[in-house]
Amino acid sequence: MGVALPRYAGMSPYDQIPFRWSVHIQRKPGAELEHYEFLADDSNDPRPEFVKALCRVMGKNGSVLAYSSGFESGRLADLASINSAL
């Protein structure tokens, strides 16, 4: 989501605010997919919990496939760059 008026501290107009993710994990070839998701409510800045929840699910090893890898990589880079401000 990108809004003209910054909603949270440290934002600029039209900054992207990631608020939802959906992940399917296959632990071994041929194994059933495990589904995880995150959807922020509208009461607080979703970025800190977005990152924490995604890191809990993803772990440190494995391959990542993305529908729009350029866009999604950009949003993750944005989150990493503001991590100290959150």
PDB file of N, CA and C in Angstrom:
ATOM      1  N   MET A   1       0.849  -1.158   0.000  1.00  0.00           N
ATOM      2  CA  MET A   1       0.000   0.000   0.000  1.00  0.00           C
ATOM      3  C   MET A   1       0.895   1.221   0.000  1.00  0.00           C
ATOM      4  N   GLY A   2       0.595   2.199  -0.780  1.00  0.00           N
ATOM      5  CA  GLY A   2       1.323   3.459  -0.792  1.00  0.00           C
ATOM      6  C   GLY A   2       0.331   4.605  -0.689  1.00  0.00           C
ATOM      7  N   VAL A   3       0.501   5.448   0.302  1.00  0.00           N
ATOM      8  CA  VAL A   3      -0.457   6.534   0.517  1.00  0.00           C
ATOM      9  C   VAL A   3       0.248   7.883   0.397  1.00  0.00           C
ATOM     10  N   ALA A   4      -0.506   8.916  -0.003  1.00  0.00           N
ATOM     11  CA  ALA A   4       0.058  10.246  -0.204  1.00  0.00           C
ATOM     12  C   ALA A   4       0.508  10.879   1.115  1.00  0.00           C
ATOM     13  N   LEU A   5      -0.275  10.674   2.160  1.00  0.00           N
ATOM     14  CA  LEU A   5       0.084  11.224   3.468  1.00  0.00           C
ATOM     15  C   LEU A   5       0.733  10.132   4.303  1.00  0.00           C
ATOM     16  N   PRO A   6       1.968  10.317   4.722  1.00  0.00           N
ATOM     17  CA  PRO A   6       2.653   9.296   5.515  1.00  0.00           C
ATOM     18  C   PRO A   6       1.863   8.939   6.771  1.00  0.00           C
ATOM     19  N   ARG A   7       1.673   7.652   6.988  1.00  0.00           N
ATOM     20  CA  ARG A   7       0.881   7.196   8.136  1.00  0.00           C
ATOM     21  C   ARG A   7       1.715   6.970   9.382  1.00  0.00           C
ATOM     22  N   TYR A   8       2.997   6.664   9.210  1.00  0.00           N
ATOM     23  CA  TYR A   8       3.819   6.281  10.357  1.00  0.00           C
ATOM     24  C   TYR A   8       5.120   7.062  10.354  1.00  0.00           C
ATOM     25  N   ALA A   9       5.751   7.127  11.525  1.00  0.00           N
ATOM     26  CA  ALA A   9       7.013   7.854  11.682  1.00  0.00           C
ATOM     27  C   ALA A   9       8.062   7.345  10.704  1.00  0.00           C
ATOM     28  N   GLY A  10       8.835   8.272  10.160  1.00  0.00           N
ATOM     29  CA  GLY A  10       9.926   7.916   9.263  1.00  0.00           C
ATOM     30  C   GLY A  10       9.516   7.662   7.825  1.00  0.00           C
ATOM     31  N   MET A  11       8.259   7.872   7.493  1.00  0.00           N
ATOM     32  CA  MET A  11       7.785   7.627   6.127  1.00  0.00           C
ATOM     33  C   MET A  11       7.771   8.912   5.315  1.00  0.00           C
ATOM     34  N   SER A  12       7.790   8.740   3.999  1.00  0.00           N
ATOM     35  CA  SER A  12       7.636   9.836   3.040  1.00  0.00           C
ATOM     36  C   SER A  12       6.365   9.579   2.241  1.00  0.00           C
ATOM     37  N   PRO A  13       5.852  10.589   1.546  1.00  0.00           N
ATOM     38  CA  PRO A  13       4.670  10.360   0.720  1.00  0.00           C
ATOM     39  C   PRO A  13       4.896   9.226  -0.283  1.00  0.00           C
ATOM     40  N   TYR A  14       3.908   8.399  -0.417  1.00  0.00           N
ATOM     41  CA  TYR A  14       3.863   7.279  -1.360  1.00  0.00           C
ATOM     42  C   TYR A  14       4.867   6.159  -1.064  1.00  0.00           C
ATOM     43  N   ASP A  15       5.486   6.164   0.115  1.00  0.00           N
ATOM     44  CA  ASP A  15       6.282   4.999   0.498  1.00  0.00           C
ATOM     45  C   ASP A  15       5.369   3.779   0.530  1.00  0.00           C
ATOM     46  N   GLN A  16       5.895   2.657   0.131  1.00  0.00           N
ATOM     47  CA  GLN A  16       5.142   1.411   0.167  1.00  0.00           C
ATOM     48  C   GLN A  16       5.103   0.882   1.593  1.00  0.00           C
ATOM     49  N   ILE A  17       3.939   0.445   2.033  1.00  0.00           N
ATOM     50  CA  ILE A  17       3.785  -0.148   3.357  1.00  0.00           C
ATOM     51  C   ILE A  17       3.386  -1.609   3.174  1.00  0.00           C
ATOM     52  N   PRO A  18       4.313  -2.530   3.380  1.00  0.00           N
ATOM     53  CA  PRO A  18       3.927  -3.939   3.277  1.00  0.00           C
ATOM     54  C   PRO A  18       3.034  -4.313   4.466  1.00  0.00           C
ATOM     55  N   PHE A  19       1.910  -4.960   4.183  1.00  0.00           N
ATOM     56  CA  PHE A  19       0.962  -5.292   5.243  1.00  0.00           C
ATOM     57  C   PHE A  19       0.463  -6.729   5.164  1.00  0.00           C
ATOM     58  N   ARG A  20       0.842  -7.462   4.116  1.00  0.00           N
ATOM     59  CA  ARG A  20       0.338  -8.819   3.946  1.00  0.00           C
ATOM     60  C   ARG A  20       1.386  -9.666   3.247  1.00  0.00           C
ATOM     61  N   TRP A  21       1.507 -10.917   3.702  1.00  0.00           N
ATOM     62  CA  TRP A  21       2.303 -11.894   2.969  1.00  0.00           C
ATOM     63  C   TRP A  21       1.651 -13.258   3.098  1.00  0.00           C
ATOM     64  N   SER A  22       1.978 -14.110   2.162  1.00  0.00           N
ATOM     65  CA  SER A  22       1.513 -15.490   2.143  1.00  0.00           C
ATOM     66  C   SER A  22       2.683 -16.351   1.693  1.00  0.00           C
ATOM     67  N   VAL A  23       2.956 -17.412   2.424  1.00  0.00           N
ATOM     68  CA  VAL A  23       4.111 -18.262   2.157  1.00  0.00           C
ATOM     69  C   VAL A  23       3.671 -19.721   2.139  1.00  0.00           C
ATOM     70  N   HIS A  24       4.191 -20.447   1.159  1.00  0.00           N
ATOM     71  CA  HIS A  24       4.040 -21.899   1.130  1.00  0.00           C
ATOM     72  C   HIS A  24       5.437 -22.502   1.241  1.00  0.00           C
ATOM     73  N   ILE A  25       5.601 -23.417   2.186  1.00  0.00           N
ATOM     74  CA  ILE A  25       6.908 -24.037   2.410  1.00  0.00           C
ATOM     75  C   ILE A  25       6.811 -25.528   2.113  1.00  0.00           C
ATOM     76  N   GLN A  26       7.767 -25.994   1.325  1.00  0.00           N
ATOM     77  CA  GLN A  26       7.893 -27.427   1.048  1.00  0.00           C
ATOM     78  C   GLN A  26       9.225 -27.859   1.663  1.00  0.00           C
ATOM     79  N   ARG A  27       9.150 -28.634   2.736  1.00  0.00           N
ATOM     80  CA  ARG A  27      10.348 -28.991   3.510  1.00  0.00           C
ATOM     81  C   ARG A  27      11.252 -29.984   2.783  1.00  0.00           C
ATOM     82  N   LYS A  28      10.648 -30.878   1.973  1.00  0.00           N
ATOM     83  CA  LYS A  28      11.401 -31.881   1.209  1.00  0.00           C
ATOM     84  C   LYS A  28      10.719 -32.056  -0.142  1.00  0.00           C
ATOM     85  N   PRO A  29      11.447 -32.472  -1.160  1.00  0.00           N
ATOM     86  CA  PRO A  29      10.806 -32.734  -2.456  1.00  0.00           C
ATOM     87  C   PRO A  29       9.655 -33.734  -2.291  1.00  0.00           C
ATOM     88  N   GLY A  30       8.531 -33.394  -2.853  1.00  0.00           N
ATOM     89  CA  GLY A  30       7.362 -34.255  -2.798  1.00  0.00           C
ATOM     90  C   GLY A  30       6.532 -34.121  -1.531  1.00  0.00           C
ATOM     91  N   ALA A  31       7.008 -33.375  -0.546  1.00  0.00           N
ATOM     92  CA  ALA A  31       6.264 -33.197   0.706  1.00  0.00           C
ATOM     93  C   ALA A  31       5.087 -32.249   0.495  1.00  0.00           C
ATOM     94  N   GLU A  32       4.109 -32.353   1.367  1.00  0.00           N
ATOM     95  CA  GLU A  32       2.959 -31.445   1.330  1.00  0.00           C
ATOM     96  C   GLU A  32       3.426 -30.014   1.601  1.00  0.00           C
ATOM     97  N   LEU A  33       2.744 -29.058   0.993  1.00  0.00           N
ATOM     98  CA  LEU A  33       3.040 -27.654   1.244  1.00  0.00           C
ATOM     99  C   LEU A  33       2.444 -27.219   2.576  1.00  0.00           C
ATOM    100  N   GLU A  34       3.193 -26.421   3.311  1.00  0.00           N
ATOM    101  CA  GLU A  34       2.701 -25.804   4.542  1.00  0.00           C
ATOM    102  C   GLU A  34       2.383 -24.347   4.212  1.00  0.00           C
ATOM    103  N   HIS A  35       1.220 -23.878   4.625  1.00  0.00           N
ATOM    104  CA  HIS A  35       0.794 -22.513   4.316  1.00  0.00           C
ATOM    105  C   HIS A  35       0.866 -21.641   5.568  1.00  0.00           C
ATOM    106  N   TYR A  36       1.436 -20.444   5.412  1.00  0.00           N
ATOM    107  CA  TYR A  36       1.510 -19.437   6.467  1.00  0.00           C
ATOM    108  C   TYR A  36       1.129 -18.102   5.849  1.00  0.00           C
ATOM    109  N   GLU A  37       0.551 -17.234   6.672  1.00  0.00           N
ATOM    110  CA  GLU A  37       0.174 -15.914   6.161  1.00  0.00           C
ATOM    111  C   GLU A  37       0.194 -14.881   7.273  1.00  0.00           C
ATOM    112  N   PHE A  38       0.261 -13.638   6.857  1.00  0.00           N
ATOM    113  CA  PHE A  38       0.226 -12.508   7.775  1.00  0.00           C
ATOM    114  C   PHE A  38      -0.646 -11.435   7.141  1.00  0.00           C
ATOM    115  N   LEU A  39      -1.548 -10.875   7.926  1.00  0.00           N
ATOM    116  CA  LEU A  39      -2.369  -9.748   7.489  1.00  0.00           C
ATOM    117  C   LEU A  39      -2.464  -8.779   8.657  1.00  0.00           C
ATOM    118  N   ALA A  40      -1.927  -7.585   8.480  1.00  0.00           N
ATOM    119  CA  ALA A  40      -1.917  -6.588   9.552  1.00  0.00           C
ATOM    120  C   ALA A  40      -3.307  -6.009   9.754  1.00  0.00           C
ATOM    121  N   ASP A  41      -3.577  -5.609  10.997  1.00  0.00           N
ATOM    122  CA  ASP A  41      -4.791  -4.834  11.227  1.00  0.00           C
ATOM    123  C   ASP A  41      -4.455  -3.368  10.956  1.00  0.00           C
ATOM    124  N   ASP A  42      -5.395  -2.487  11.123  1.00  0.00           N
ATOM    125  CA  ASP A  42      -5.176  -1.091  10.746  1.00  0.00           C
ATOM    126  C   ASP A  42      -4.798  -0.204  11.926  1.00  0.00           C
ATOM    127  N   SER A  43      -4.489  -0.789  13.079  1.00  0.00           N
ATOM    128  CA  SER A  43      -4.293   0.051  14.255  1.00  0.00           C
ATOM    129  C   SER A  43      -2.857   0.532  14.467  1.00  0.00           C
ATOM    130  N   ASN A  44      -1.865  -0.207  13.977  1.00  0.00           N
ATOM    131  CA  ASN A  44      -0.469   0.141  14.219  1.00  0.00           C
ATOM    132  C   ASN A  44       0.348   0.000  12.943  1.00  0.00           C
ATOM    133  N   ASP A  45       1.559   0.523  12.989  1.00  0.00           N
ATOM    134  CA  ASP A  45       2.498   0.354  11.883  1.00  0.00           C
ATOM    135  C   ASP A  45       2.740  -1.147  11.703  1.00  0.00           C
ATOM    136  N   PRO A  46       2.416  -1.718  10.550  1.00  0.00           N
ATOM    137  CA  PRO A  46       2.542  -3.165  10.367  1.00  0.00           C
ATOM    138  C   PRO A  46       3.966  -3.649  10.118  1.00  0.00           C
ATOM    139  N   ARG A  47       4.880  -2.737   9.804  1.00  0.00           N
ATOM    140  CA  ARG A  47       6.218  -3.154   9.372  1.00  0.00           C
ATOM    141  C   ARG A  47       6.993  -3.976  10.393  1.00  0.00           C
ATOM    142  N   PRO A  48       7.048  -3.590  11.676  1.00  0.00           N
ATOM    143  CA  PRO A  48       7.828  -4.411  12.612  1.00  0.00           C
ATOM    144  C   PRO A  48       7.302  -5.848  12.732  1.00  0.00           C
ATOM    145  N   GLU A  49       5.996  -5.996  12.903  1.00  0.00           N
ATOM    146  CA  GLU A  49       5.450  -7.346  13.051  1.00  0.00           C
ATOM    147  C   GLU A  49       5.502  -8.122  11.739  1.00  0.00           C
ATOM    148  N   PHE A  50       5.369  -7.434  10.618  1.00  0.00           N
ATOM    149  CA  PHE A  50       5.501  -8.052   9.298  1.00  0.00           C
ATOM    150  C   PHE A  50       6.836  -8.769   9.201  1.00  0.00           C
ATOM    151  N   VAL A  51       7.912  -8.057   9.545  1.00  0.00           N
ATOM    152  CA  VAL A  51       9.264  -8.616   9.455  1.00  0.00           C
ATOM    153  C   VAL A  51       9.453  -9.753  10.450  1.00  0.00           C
ATOM    154  N   LYS A  52       9.045  -9.545  11.693  1.00  0.00           N
ATOM    155  CA  LYS A  52       9.213 -10.580  12.718  1.00  0.00           C
ATOM    156  C   LYS A  52       8.491 -11.869  12.324  1.00  0.00           C
ATOM    157  N   ALA A  53       7.245 -11.740  11.885  1.00  0.00           N
ATOM    158  CA  ALA A  53       6.455 -12.918  11.526  1.00  0.00           C
ATOM    159  C   ALA A  53       7.054 -13.627  10.310  1.00  0.00           C
ATOM    160  N   LEU A  54       7.500 -12.875   9.329  1.00  0.00           N
ATOM    161  CA  LEU A  54       8.091 -13.479   8.133  1.00  0.00           C
ATOM    162  C   LEU A  54       9.381 -14.216   8.472  1.00  0.00           C
ATOM    163  N   CYS A  55      10.212 -13.612   9.303  1.00  0.00           N
ATOM    164  CA  CYS A  55      11.475 -14.256   9.691  1.00  0.00           C
ATOM    165  C   CYS A  55      11.228 -15.538  10.492  1.00  0.00           C
ATOM    166  N   ARG A  56      10.217 -15.522  11.366  1.00  0.00           N
ATOM    167  CA  ARG A  56       9.886 -16.734  12.135  1.00  0.00           C
ATOM    168  C   ARG A  56       9.530 -17.884  11.208  1.00  0.00           C
ATOM    169  N   VAL A  57       8.784 -17.604  10.171  1.00  0.00           N
ATOM    170  CA  VAL A  57       8.312 -18.645   9.253  1.00  0.00           C
ATOM    171  C   VAL A  57       9.406 -19.083   8.285  1.00  0.00           C
ATOM    172  N   MET A  58      10.136 -18.140   7.738  1.00  0.00           N
ATOM    173  CA  MET A  58      11.090 -18.453   6.678  1.00  0.00           C
ATOM    174  C   MET A  58      12.350 -19.153   7.164  1.00  0.00           C
ATOM    175  N   GLY A  59      12.822 -18.848   8.329  1.00  0.00           N
ATOM    176  CA  GLY A  59      14.054 -19.447   8.795  1.00  0.00           C
ATOM    177  C   GLY A  59      15.252 -18.890   8.039  1.00  0.00           C
ATOM    178  N   LYS A  60      16.368 -19.630   8.085  1.00  0.00           N
ATOM    179  CA  LYS A  60      17.610 -19.125   7.505  1.00  0.00           C
ATOM    180  C   LYS A  60      18.058 -19.874   6.260  1.00  0.00           C
ATOM    181  N   ASN A  61      17.436 -20.979   5.909  1.00  0.00           N
ATOM    182  CA  ASN A  61      17.877 -21.781   4.765  1.00  0.00           C
ATOM    183  C   ASN A  61      16.735 -21.987   3.777  1.00  0.00           C
ATOM    184  N   GLY A  62      17.096 -22.193   2.523  1.00  0.00           N
ATOM    185  CA  GLY A  62      16.098 -22.532   1.526  1.00  0.00           C
ATOM    186  C   GLY A  62      16.077 -21.563   0.364  1.00  0.00           C
ATOM    187  N   SER A  63      15.285 -21.908  -0.609  1.00  0.00           N
ATOM    188  CA  SER A  63      15.121 -21.086  -1.807  1.00  0.00           C
ATOM    189  C   SER A  63      13.805 -20.336  -1.710  1.00  0.00           C
ATOM    190  N   VAL A  64      13.772 -19.173  -2.330  1.00  0.00           N
ATOM    191  CA  VAL A  64      12.561 -18.360  -2.325  1.00  0.00           C
ATOM    192  C   VAL A  64      12.135 -18.110  -3.761  1.00  0.00           C
ATOM    193  N   LEU A  65      10.872 -18.375  -4.049  1.00  0.00           N
ATOM    194  CA  LEU A  65      10.267 -18.053  -5.337  1.00  0.00           C
ATOM    195  C   LEU A  65       9.238 -16.967  -5.084  1.00  0.00           C
ATOM    196  N   ALA A  66       9.197 -15.970  -5.939  1.00  0.00           N
ATOM    197  CA  ALA A  66       8.280 -14.855  -5.742  1.00  0.00           C
ATOM    198  C   ALA A  66       7.536 -14.568  -7.033  1.00  0.00           C
ATOM    199  N   TYR A  67       6.284 -14.131  -6.887  1.00  0.00           N
ATOM    200  CA  TYR A  67       5.475 -13.788  -8.051  1.00  0.00           C
ATOM    201  C   TYR A  67       6.099 -12.611  -8.794  1.00  0.00           C
ATOM    202  N   SER A  68       6.498 -11.601  -8.047  1.00  0.00           N
ATOM    203  CA  SER A  68       7.126 -10.413  -8.631  1.00  0.00           C
ATOM    204  C   SER A  68       8.401 -10.136  -7.841  1.00  0.00           C
ATOM    205  N   SER A  69       9.449 -10.857  -8.173  1.00  0.00           N
ATOM    206  CA  SER A  69      10.661 -10.819  -7.353  1.00  0.00           C
ATOM    207  C   SER A  69      11.280  -9.427  -7.272  1.00  0.00           C
ATOM    208  N   GLY A  70      11.238  -8.656  -8.345  1.00  0.00           N
ATOM    209  CA  GLY A  70      11.797  -7.306  -8.307  1.00  0.00           C
ATOM    210  C   GLY A  70      11.073  -6.422  -7.308  1.00  0.00           C
ATOM    211  N   PHE A  71       9.755  -6.438  -7.358  1.00  0.00           N
ATOM    212  CA  PHE A  71       8.950  -5.632  -6.434  1.00  0.00           C
ATOM    213  C   PHE A  71       9.141  -6.117  -5.006  1.00  0.00           C
ATOM    214  N   GLU A  72       9.026  -7.426  -4.806  1.00  0.00           N
ATOM    215  CA  GLU A  72       9.116  -7.969  -3.456  1.00  0.00           C
ATOM    216  C   GLU A  72      10.514  -7.793  -2.873  1.00  0.00           C
ATOM    217  N   SER A  73      11.541  -7.961  -3.672  1.00  0.00           N
ATOM    218  CA  SER A  73      12.905  -7.722  -3.193  1.00  0.00           C
ATOM    219  C   SER A  73      13.083  -6.260  -2.803  1.00  0.00           C
ATOM    220  N   GLY A  74      12.488  -5.367  -3.567  1.00  0.00           N
ATOM    221  CA  GLY A  74      12.562  -3.945  -3.252  1.00  0.00           C
ATOM    222  C   GLY A  74      11.905  -3.613  -1.930  1.00  0.00           C
ATOM    223  N   ARG A  75      10.735  -4.209  -1.654  1.00  0.00           N
ATOM    224  CA  ARG A  75      10.055  -3.948  -0.393  1.00  0.00           C
ATOM    225  C   ARG A  75      10.848  -4.514   0.779  1.00  0.00           C
ATOM    226  N   LEU A  76      11.455  -5.690   0.600  1.00  0.00           N
ATOM    227  CA  LEU A  76      12.275  -6.261   1.671  1.00  0.00           C
ATOM    228  C   LEU A  76      13.517  -5.407   1.908  1.00  0.00           C
ATOM    229  N   ALA A  77      14.101  -4.866   0.847  1.00  0.00           N
ATOM    230  CA  ALA A  77      15.242  -3.969   0.998  1.00  0.00           C
ATOM    231  C   ALA A  77      14.829  -2.695   1.740  1.00  0.00           C
ATOM    232  N   ASP A  78      13.636  -2.169   1.418  1.00  0.00           N
ATOM    233  CA  ASP A  78      13.122  -0.998   2.133  1.00  0.00           C
ATOM    234  C   ASP A  78      12.998  -1.300   3.620  1.00  0.00           C
ATOM    235  N   LEU A  79      12.421  -2.470   3.949  1.00  0.00           N
ATOM    236  CA  LEU A  79      12.269  -2.849   5.347  1.00  0.00           C
ATOM    237  C   LEU A  79      13.623  -2.964   6.041  1.00  0.00           C
ATOM    238  N   ALA A  80      14.590  -3.531   5.357  1.00  0.00           N
ATOM    239  CA  ALA A  80      15.921  -3.678   5.945  1.00  0.00           C
ATOM    240  C   ALA A  80      16.563  -2.318   6.200  1.00  0.00           C
ATOM    241  N   SER A  81      16.339  -1.382   5.288  1.00  0.00           N
ATOM    242  CA  SER A  81      16.972  -0.064   5.434  1.00  0.00           C
ATOM    243  C   SER A  81      16.354   0.767   6.547  1.00  0.00           C
ATOM    244  N   ILE A  82      15.112   0.501   6.898  1.00  0.00           N
ATOM    245  CA  ILE A  82      14.479   1.266   7.982  1.00  0.00           C
ATOM    246  C   ILE A  82      14.457   0.490   9.285  1.00  0.00           C
ATOM    247  N   ASN A  83      15.033  -0.691   9.308  1.00  0.00           N
ATOM    248  CA  ASN A  83      14.980  -1.553  10.476  1.00  0.00           C
ATOM    249  C   ASN A  83      15.421  -0.831  11.749  1.00  0.00           C
ATOM    250  N   SER A  84      16.462  -0.055  11.673  1.00  0.00           N
ATOM    251  CA  SER A  84      16.955   0.642  12.870  1.00  0.00           C
ATOM    252  C   SER A  84      15.977   1.709  13.349  1.00  0.00           C
ATOM    253  N   ALA A  85      15.174   2.258  12.438  1.00  0.00           N
ATOM    254  CA  ALA A  85      14.201   3.272  12.811  1.00  0.00           C
ATOM    255  C   ALA A  85      12.955   2.666  13.450  1.00  0.00           C
ATOM    256  N   LEU A  86      12.722   1.381  13.180  1.00  0.00           N
ATOM    257  CA  LEU A  86      11.534   0.744  13.750  1.00  0.00           C
ATOM    258  C   LEU A  86      11.841   0.311  15.156  1.00  0.00           C
TER     259      LEU A  86
END
